[in-house]
Amino acid sequence: MLNGRALLLALHFNGPLQRKEISRRCGIRPNSVSGLVAEMLDTGFVREEEPGRPRSRIALDGSRQSALVASLHAEEIDVARVFLDGRIEDRRVVALKDSRPAAVVETLARALRGLARDEKTALGIGIATPGLVNARKGSVNYAANLREWRNVMLADDLKKEMQAAVCVRNDVQCQLLGQAWFGRIKPGAREILYLHVGEGVACSVMTRGRLVEGRRFSAGEIGHVRAGEEGRLCKCGKADCLEAYSAIPALASELELLKASPPVEPSARQLAQAALQHPQVVNVIDRAAQRILTALTPLAAALDPYMILVGSDDQEFSKLLCRLLEPRLRAELLGLGSRAARLDVAEPSREAALKGAAAEVIQRAFRNGAFLKRARRRG
């Protein structure tokens, strides 16, 4: 099983390899490599670039094995099928009329059954959800944006409905995991800090290829640190959280109060488009960026990341936020100079969350030896 996982990881991060290259990179005997490749060809995890030739390069087969995934939001659910190569198919958005746990599980099960056209090639189910999530147990300890979500055993409840393995992880962690896994950032090679601005403001952290969760599963929750003294209420029930000043709905509300530009819908795309025509929109986003920076800078200094990724639902908004953050971040990290982490724009967060939920499923399948179990069942 360990040899099989090493082989699959080598193909994922390095691309197609000949059998002898796999043997050298993974430290597996050539005969064992040949046996593993034969089993994986049978189960659809890998393919030969030149079928039947012993020296053919072996590649992951992105066309057969996939994960069924969903990303929860306050009023809707994204569902899709994601393949080993990161390709997203059958994506659809399902309205969430009732966000209480039982109703969400029922809606999820119904939507996912619509995707499960071939159970033999579905590796499992992955769910990205807002809130404080214990990924090992698959439980949501608390989610401010979802009604009555405290200590919800989401993985267990959905598994009963679907009769399949279920992985659950925080949505912002999924967004980073999707970037790292399908962007082929090698495990153990880099520390990454990811900032997401959307309905809320949050970070996720990856160090040596592993996501950092924290003792209470709240690592990176900068959205609920104090960011002002105006008494702005937050969805968590307290006042003056960073989200109340710098999340997308807060930015749209501030522009509405200023009445200095046409009304802007509370979306990253609308804000990015308005910023092209109205300088006051840029000024509002800039003030929000300054507040974000106050929380982000100590985290960047402590982690010393290789890369800081900035993500939202719209890449143009993310680019604008990057432009506003970068010079100030350089100025705040006084002694680091050119060695400070580079900022980069992440792919749209909704796609990244789906891919991250799939990456969680795929990594567990690699670790649990799904490729061997399926071959033995067929035998």
Protein backbone atom coordinates (compact mmCIF):
# COMPACT_ATOMS: atom_id res chain seq x y z
CA MET A 1 0.00 0.00 0.00
CA LEU A 2 2.82 2.43 0.88
CA ASN A 3 4.57 1.63 -2.40
CA GLY A 4 1.36 2.29 -4.32
CA ARG A 5 0.85 5.64 -2.62
CA ALA A 6 4.44 6.64 -3.34
CA LEU A 7 3.98 5.70 -7.01
CA LEU A 8 0.78 7.73 -7.36
CA LEU A 9 2.30 10.76 -5.64
CA ALA A 10 5.35 10.58 -7.91
CA LEU A 11 3.12 10.60 -11.00
CA HIS A 12 0.95 13.40 -9.60
CA PHE A 13 3.81 15.77 -8.78
CA ASN A 14 6.25 14.86 -11.56
CA GLY A 15 4.00 13.92 -14.46
CA PRO A 16 4.42 10.80 -16.67
CA LEU A 17 7.39 8.55 -15.80
CA GLN A 18 8.86 5.34 -17.15
CA ARG A 19 8.77 2.32 -14.87
CA LYS A 20 12.51 2.54 -14.22
CA GLU A 21 12.14 6.22 -13.25
CA ILE A 22 9.36 5.31 -10.83
CA SER A 23 11.60 2.61 -9.32
CA ARG A 24 14.46 5.08 -8.85
CA ARG A 25 12.40 7.96 -7.49
CA CYS A 26 10.31 5.86 -5.11
CA GLY A 27 12.90 3.28 -4.07
CA ILE A 28 10.66 0.40 -5.21
CA ARG A 29 12.02 -2.75 -6.84
CA PRO A 30 11.36 -2.91 -10.60
CA ASN A 31 9.28 -6.09 -10.30
CA SER A 32 7.08 -4.46 -7.67
CA VAL A 33 6.63 -1.40 -9.88
CA SER A 34 5.45 -3.59 -12.74
CA GLY A 35 2.93 -5.36 -10.51
CA LEU A 36 1.57 -2.13 -9.08
CA VAL A 37 1.26 -0.54 -12.50
CA ALA A 38 -0.67 -3.57 -13.76
CA GLU A 39 -3.18 -3.29 -10.90
CA MET A 40 -3.57 0.46 -11.39
CA LEU A 41 -4.09 0.08 -15.13
CA ASP A 42 -6.92 -2.31 -14.33
CA THR A 43 -8.62 0.07 -11.86
CA GLY A 44 -8.22 3.17 -14.02
CA PHE A 45 -5.80 5.12 -11.83
CA VAL A 46 -3.04 5.18 -14.45
CA ARG A 47 -2.59 4.73 -18.20
CA GLU A 48 0.27 3.92 -20.57
CA GLU A 49 1.13 6.66 -23.03
CA GLU A 50 2.14 3.92 -25.49
CA PRO A 51 -0.07 0.96 -24.59
CA GLY A 52 1.69 -2.40 -24.55
CA ARG A 53 5.25 -1.02 -24.74
CA PRO A 54 7.42 -1.91 -21.70
CA ARG A 55 9.24 1.43 -21.91
CA SER A 56 6.08 3.47 -22.18
CA ARG A 57 5.74 6.30 -19.73
CA ILE A 58 3.03 5.84 -17.08
CA ALA A 59 0.66 8.73 -16.34
CA LEU A 60 -2.23 9.29 -13.99
CA ASP A 61 -5.46 8.66 -15.84
CA GLY A 62 -7.51 11.81 -15.38
CA SER A 63 -10.48 10.53 -17.34
CA ARG A 64 -11.88 7.76 -15.12
CA GLN A 65 -11.47 8.16 -11.37
CA SER A 66 -13.18 11.14 -9.75
CA ALA A 67 -14.57 12.55 -6.50
CA LEU A 68 -18.12 13.77 -5.92
CA VAL A 69 -17.85 17.12 -4.17
CA ALA A 70 -19.96 19.92 -2.74
CA SER A 71 -19.27 23.36 -1.30
CA LEU A 72 -21.77 24.80 1.18
CA HIS A 73 -22.83 28.45 1.22
CA ALA A 74 -25.43 30.30 3.24
CA GLU A 75 -28.10 30.13 0.54
CA GLU A 76 -26.88 27.54 -1.97
CA ILE A 77 -24.68 24.51 -2.57
CA ASP A 78 -22.18 23.99 -5.40
CA VAL A 79 -21.91 20.34 -6.45
CA ALA A 80 -19.67 18.78 -9.08
CA ARG A 81 -17.55 15.82 -10.14
CA VAL A 82 -13.78 16.47 -10.03
CA PHE A 83 -11.32 14.12 -11.77
CA LEU A 84 -7.73 13.25 -10.85
CA ASP A 85 -6.39 15.96 -13.15
CA GLY A 86 -8.56 18.67 -11.57
CA ARG A 87 -11.13 18.76 -14.35
CA ILE A 88 -14.57 19.82 -13.12
CA GLU A 89 -17.66 18.31 -14.75
CA ASP A 90 -21.40 18.18 -14.10
CA ARG A 91 -21.24 21.30 -11.97
CA ARG A 92 -24.52 22.72 -10.77
CA VAL A 93 -25.82 25.09 -8.09
CA VAL A 94 -28.64 23.92 -5.81
CA ALA A 95 -30.72 26.40 -3.80
CA LEU A 96 -30.54 25.92 -0.04
CA LYS A 97 -33.97 26.89 1.27
CA ASP A 98 -33.34 25.60 4.80
CA SER A 99 -29.82 25.66 6.29
CA ARG A 100 -30.60 23.56 9.36
CA PRO A 101 -28.33 20.45 9.50
CA ALA A 102 -30.94 17.80 8.67
CA ALA A 103 -32.27 19.79 5.72
CA VAL A 104 -28.75 20.40 4.38
CA VAL A 105 -27.88 16.68 4.58
CA GLU A 106 -31.07 15.84 2.68
CA THR A 107 -30.33 18.47 -0.01
CA LEU A 108 -26.72 17.33 -0.29
CA ALA A 109 -27.68 13.67 -0.67
CA ARG A 110 -30.24 14.45 -3.35
CA ALA A 111 -27.79 16.62 -5.32
CA LEU A 112 -24.91 14.15 -5.05
CA ARG A 113 -27.07 11.20 -6.13
CA GLY A 114 -27.67 13.09 -9.34
CA LEU A 115 -23.92 12.94 -10.02
CA ALA A 116 -23.31 9.33 -9.04
CA ARG A 117 -23.86 7.84 -12.47
CA ASP A 118 -20.96 5.39 -12.09
CA GLU A 119 -20.15 4.37 -8.53
CA LYS A 120 -17.20 2.25 -9.68
CA THR A 121 -15.19 5.34 -10.60
CA ALA A 122 -16.24 7.53 -7.65
CA LEU A 123 -13.48 7.58 -5.03
CA GLY A 124 -15.68 9.15 -2.39
CA ILE A 125 -17.45 12.32 -1.38
CA GLY A 126 -15.81 15.57 -0.30
CA ILE A 127 -17.59 18.49 1.38
CA ALA A 128 -16.25 22.03 1.85
CA THR A 129 -18.14 23.94 4.51
CA PRO A 130 -17.78 27.21 6.38
CA GLY A 131 -17.13 27.06 10.10
CA LEU A 132 -14.83 25.38 12.58
CA VAL A 133 -14.36 21.85 11.23
CA ASN A 134 -12.74 18.78 12.75
CA ALA A 135 -11.61 17.15 9.49
CA ARG A 136 -10.56 13.92 11.22
CA LYS A 137 -14.07 13.33 12.58
CA GLY A 138 -15.88 15.07 9.75
CA SER A 139 -17.76 17.28 12.22
CA VAL A 140 -18.68 20.97 12.07
CA ASN A 141 -18.21 22.36 15.56
CA TYR A 142 -19.69 25.78 14.75
CA ALA A 143 -20.70 27.71 11.63
CA ALA A 144 -21.96 31.29 12.06
CA ASN A 145 -23.32 31.47 8.49
CA LEU A 146 -25.41 28.28 8.79
CA ARG A 147 -28.51 27.99 10.99
CA GLU A 148 -28.22 25.89 14.16
CA TRP A 149 -24.83 24.45 13.20
CA ARG A 150 -23.10 23.36 16.40
CA ASN A 151 -21.41 19.96 16.78
CA VAL A 152 -22.92 18.60 13.57
CA MET A 153 -21.56 15.15 12.59
CA LEU A 154 -21.84 15.96 8.90
CA ALA A 155 -19.66 13.12 7.56
CA ASP A 156 -21.51 10.45 9.55
CA ASP A 157 -24.96 11.83 8.69
CA LEU A 158 -24.20 12.06 4.97
CA LYS A 159 -22.51 8.66 4.91
CA LYS A 160 -25.75 7.09 6.17
CA GLU A 161 -27.61 8.68 3.27
CA MET A 162 -25.03 7.92 0.56
CA GLN A 163 -23.43 4.66 1.75
CA ALA A 164 -20.01 6.03 0.73
CA ALA A 165 -16.89 7.46 2.34
CA VAL A 166 -17.29 11.17 3.16
CA CYS A 167 -14.57 13.78 3.86
CA VAL A 168 -15.45 17.15 5.39
CA ARG A 169 -13.12 20.15 5.67
CA ASN A 170 -13.36 23.90 6.21
CA ASP A 171 -14.03 25.71 2.92
CA VAL A 172 -11.08 28.13 3.13
CA GLN A 173 -8.74 25.25 3.93
CA CYS A 174 -10.18 23.47 0.89
CA GLN A 175 -9.43 26.51 -1.26
CA LEU A 176 -5.76 26.38 -0.25
CA LEU A 177 -5.61 22.59 -0.57
CA GLY A 178 -7.05 22.79 -4.08
CA GLN A 179 -4.40 25.33 -5.08
CA ALA A 180 -1.55 23.30 -3.59
CA TRP A 181 -2.64 19.85 -4.82
CA PHE A 182 -3.69 20.62 -8.37
CA GLY A 183 -1.00 23.32 -8.67
CA ARG A 184 1.54 20.55 -7.97
CA ILE A 185 3.23 22.30 -5.03
CA LYS A 186 5.28 19.42 -3.66
CA PRO A 187 4.64 18.23 -0.08
CA GLY A 188 7.21 19.45 2.41
CA ALA A 189 8.66 21.96 -0.03
CA ARG A 190 6.83 25.15 0.85
CA GLU A 191 4.95 27.11 3.50
CA ILE A 192 1.88 28.88 2.10
CA LEU A 193 -0.43 31.49 3.58
CA TYR A 194 -3.81 31.90 1.89
CA LEU A 195 -6.10 34.91 2.38
CA HIS A 196 -9.74 34.72 1.35
CA VAL A 197 -12.13 37.68 1.20
CA GLY A 198 -15.76 36.85 0.55
CA GLU A 199 -18.80 36.58 2.82
CA GLY A 200 -16.17 36.68 5.54
CA VAL A 201 -12.42 37.14 5.86
CA ALA A 202 -10.22 34.18 6.73
CA CYS A 203 -6.80 32.63 6.24
CA SER A 204 -5.59 29.09 5.93
CA VAL A 205 -2.04 27.94 6.45
CA MET A 206 -0.03 25.10 4.99
CA THR A 207 3.37 24.17 6.37
CA ARG A 208 5.52 21.37 4.98
CA GLY A 209 2.61 20.21 2.86
CA ARG A 210 0.11 19.90 5.72
CA LEU A 211 -2.82 22.14 6.57
CA VAL A 212 -2.70 23.73 10.02
CA GLU A 213 -6.01 23.34 11.88
CA GLY A 214 -5.23 24.47 15.43
CA ARG A 215 -6.30 22.95 18.75
CA ARG A 216 -9.84 24.37 18.42
CA PHE A 217 -9.86 24.11 14.60
CA SER A 218 -9.76 27.91 14.29
CA ALA A 219 -6.24 28.44 12.92
CA GLY A 220 -6.29 31.34 10.45
CA GLU A 221 -9.67 32.75 11.57
CA ILE A 222 -8.48 36.35 11.39
CA GLY A 223 -11.98 37.47 10.43
CA HIS A 224 -12.92 37.58 14.10
CA VAL A 225 -10.06 39.67 15.49
CA ARG A 226 -10.85 43.25 16.49
CA ALA A 227 -10.44 45.68 13.59
CA GLY A 228 -12.20 48.88 14.68
CA GLU A 229 -14.08 50.79 17.35
CA GLU A 230 -17.30 51.71 15.52
CA GLY A 231 -19.47 49.02 17.05
CA ARG A 232 -20.19 47.27 13.74
CA LEU A 233 -22.00 44.02 14.37
CA CYS A 234 -20.64 40.73 13.04
CA LYS A 235 -22.56 37.55 12.19
CA CYS A 236 -20.81 35.84 15.09
CA GLY A 237 -22.81 38.09 17.47
CA LYS A 238 -19.93 40.31 18.57
CA ALA A 239 -18.92 43.75 17.34
CA ASP A 240 -15.94 45.18 15.42
CA CYS A 241 -14.64 41.90 13.96
CA LEU A 242 -12.50 42.29 10.84
CA GLU A 243 -15.32 40.76 8.77
CA ALA A 244 -17.62 43.61 9.79
CA TYR A 245 -15.24 46.04 8.08
CA SER A 246 -13.53 44.14 5.26
CA ALA A 247 -15.76 41.31 4.01
CA ILE A 248 -17.57 41.79 0.69
CA PRO A 249 -21.00 42.58 2.23
CA ALA A 250 -19.35 45.17 4.52
CA LEU A 251 -17.69 46.88 1.55
CA ALA A 252 -20.97 47.05 -0.38
CA SER A 253 -22.76 48.46 2.68
CA GLU A 254 -20.11 51.13 3.18
CA LEU A 255 -20.42 52.24 -0.44
CA GLU A 256 -24.19 52.42 -0.07
CA LEU A 257 -23.83 54.69 2.96
CA LEU A 258 -21.38 56.96 1.14
CA LYS A 259 -23.75 57.32 -1.83
CA ALA A 260 -20.74 58.51 -3.80
CA SER A 261 -21.18 55.96 -6.57
CA PRO A 262 -23.98 53.89 -8.13
CA PRO A 263 -25.24 51.05 -5.87
CA VAL A 264 -22.98 47.98 -5.93
CA GLU A 265 -24.22 44.43 -5.43
CA PRO A 266 -22.41 42.63 -2.59
CA SER A 267 -20.17 40.52 -4.82
CA ALA A 268 -16.46 40.56 -5.57
CA ARG A 269 -17.12 40.83 -9.30
CA GLN A 270 -19.40 43.87 -8.93
CA LEU A 271 -16.88 45.60 -6.67
CA ALA A 272 -14.04 44.93 -9.13
CA GLN A 273 -16.06 46.32 -12.02
CA ALA A 274 -17.14 49.40 -10.04
CA ALA A 275 -13.52 50.05 -9.02
CA LEU A 276 -12.58 50.49 -12.69
CA GLN A 277 -14.86 53.52 -13.00
CA HIS A 278 -15.14 55.02 -9.52
CA PRO A 279 -12.03 55.95 -7.47
CA GLN A 280 -14.08 56.06 -4.26
CA VAL A 281 -14.68 52.30 -4.62
CA VAL A 282 -10.91 51.75 -4.69
CA ASN A 283 -10.59 53.96 -1.61
CA VAL A 284 -13.11 51.86 0.30
CA ILE A 285 -11.36 48.61 -0.69
CA ASP A 286 -8.00 50.18 0.21
CA ARG A 287 -9.20 50.99 3.74
CA ALA A 288 -10.43 47.41 4.07
CA ALA A 289 -7.02 46.17 2.87
CA GLN A 290 -5.30 48.22 5.57
CA ARG A 291 -7.42 46.56 8.24
CA ILE A 292 -6.71 43.13 6.77
CA LEU A 293 -3.01 43.91 6.74
CA THR A 294 -3.03 44.63 10.48
CA ALA A 295 -4.11 41.02 11.10
CA LEU A 296 -2.14 39.47 8.25
CA THR A 297 1.32 40.95 8.87
CA PRO A 298 2.05 39.25 12.22
CA LEU A 299 0.90 35.94 10.76
CA ALA A 300 3.20 36.38 7.75
CA ALA A 301 6.13 37.32 10.00
CA ALA A 302 5.56 34.27 12.23
CA LEU A 303 5.14 31.77 9.39
CA ASP A 304 7.71 33.21 6.96
CA PRO A 305 5.80 31.71 4.01
CA TYR A 306 7.19 31.06 0.57
CA MET A 307 3.98 32.43 -0.94
CA ILE A 308 0.90 34.40 0.09
CA LEU A 309 -2.11 33.61 -2.08
CA VAL A 310 -5.03 36.04 -2.25
CA GLY A 311 -8.41 34.65 -3.26
CA SER A 312 -12.03 35.68 -3.70
CA ASP A 313 -14.94 34.73 -5.95
CA ASP A 314 -13.52 37.00 -8.69
CA GLN A 315 -9.90 37.10 -9.85
CA GLU A 316 -10.06 40.78 -10.86
CA PHE A 317 -11.05 41.70 -7.31
CA SER A 318 -8.22 39.47 -6.00
CA LYS A 319 -5.74 41.24 -8.30
CA LEU A 320 -6.87 44.64 -7.02
CA LEU A 321 -6.55 43.47 -3.43
CA CYS A 322 -3.05 42.14 -4.16
CA ARG A 323 -1.99 45.48 -5.63
CA LEU A 324 -3.23 47.30 -2.54
CA LEU A 325 -1.71 44.84 -0.06
CA GLU A 326 1.73 44.21 -1.52
CA PRO A 327 3.53 47.57 -1.06
CA ARG A 328 2.23 47.95 2.48
CA LEU A 329 3.16 44.38 3.37
CA ARG A 330 6.72 45.02 2.14
CA ALA A 331 6.85 48.19 4.22
CA GLU A 332 5.57 46.45 7.36
CA LEU A 333 7.97 43.50 7.12
CA LEU A 334 10.87 45.86 7.66
CA GLY A 335 13.90 43.62 7.84
CA LEU A 336 12.94 41.06 5.20
CA GLY A 337 13.23 43.24 2.09
CA SER A 338 13.33 41.21 -1.12
CA ARG A 339 13.19 37.99 0.89
CA ALA A 340 9.59 38.63 1.94
CA ALA A 341 6.95 36.25 0.62
CA ARG A 342 5.63 36.95 -2.85
CA LEU A 343 1.92 37.62 -3.30
CA ASP A 344 0.00 35.81 -5.98
CA VAL A 345 -3.62 35.61 -7.10
CA ALA A 346 -5.49 32.38 -6.48
CA GLU A 347 -8.07 30.91 -8.82
CA PRO A 348 -11.71 31.82 -8.04
CA SER A 349 -12.54 30.53 -4.60
CA ARG A 350 -15.65 28.55 -5.54
CA GLU A 351 -13.71 26.42 -8.04
CA ALA A 352 -10.81 26.13 -5.61
CA ALA A 353 -13.12 24.89 -2.82
CA LEU A 354 -14.53 22.15 -5.06
CA LYS A 355 -11.03 21.11 -6.10
CA GLY A 356 -9.84 21.15 -2.50
CA ALA A 357 -12.69 18.90 -1.40
CA ALA A 358 -11.70 16.56 -4.24
CA ALA A 359 -8.03 16.71 -3.24
CA GLU A 360 -9.00 15.57 0.26
CA VAL A 361 -10.85 12.58 -1.20
CA ILE A 362 -8.03 11.74 -3.65
CA GLN A 363 -5.32 11.91 -0.99
CA ARG A 364 -7.30 9.61 1.29
CA ALA A 365 -7.84 7.18 -1.59
CA PHE A 366 -4.09 7.15 -2.27
CA ARG A 367 -3.36 6.66 1.42
CA ASN A 368 -5.98 3.94 1.95
CA GLY A 369 -5.00 1.92 -1.10
CA ALA A 370 -8.29 2.21 -3.01
CA PHE A 371 -6.46 1.19 -6.20
CA LEU A 372 -5.49 -2.17 -4.68
CA LYS A 373 -8.85 -2.87 -3.02
CA ARG A 374 -10.73 -2.38 -6.27
CA ALA A 375 -8.36 -4.62 -8.20
CA ARG A 376 -8.75 -7.37 -5.60
CA ARG A 377 -12.55 -7.08 -5.62
CA ARG A 378 -12.51 -7.51 -9.40
CA GLY A 379 -10.21 -10.47 -9.08
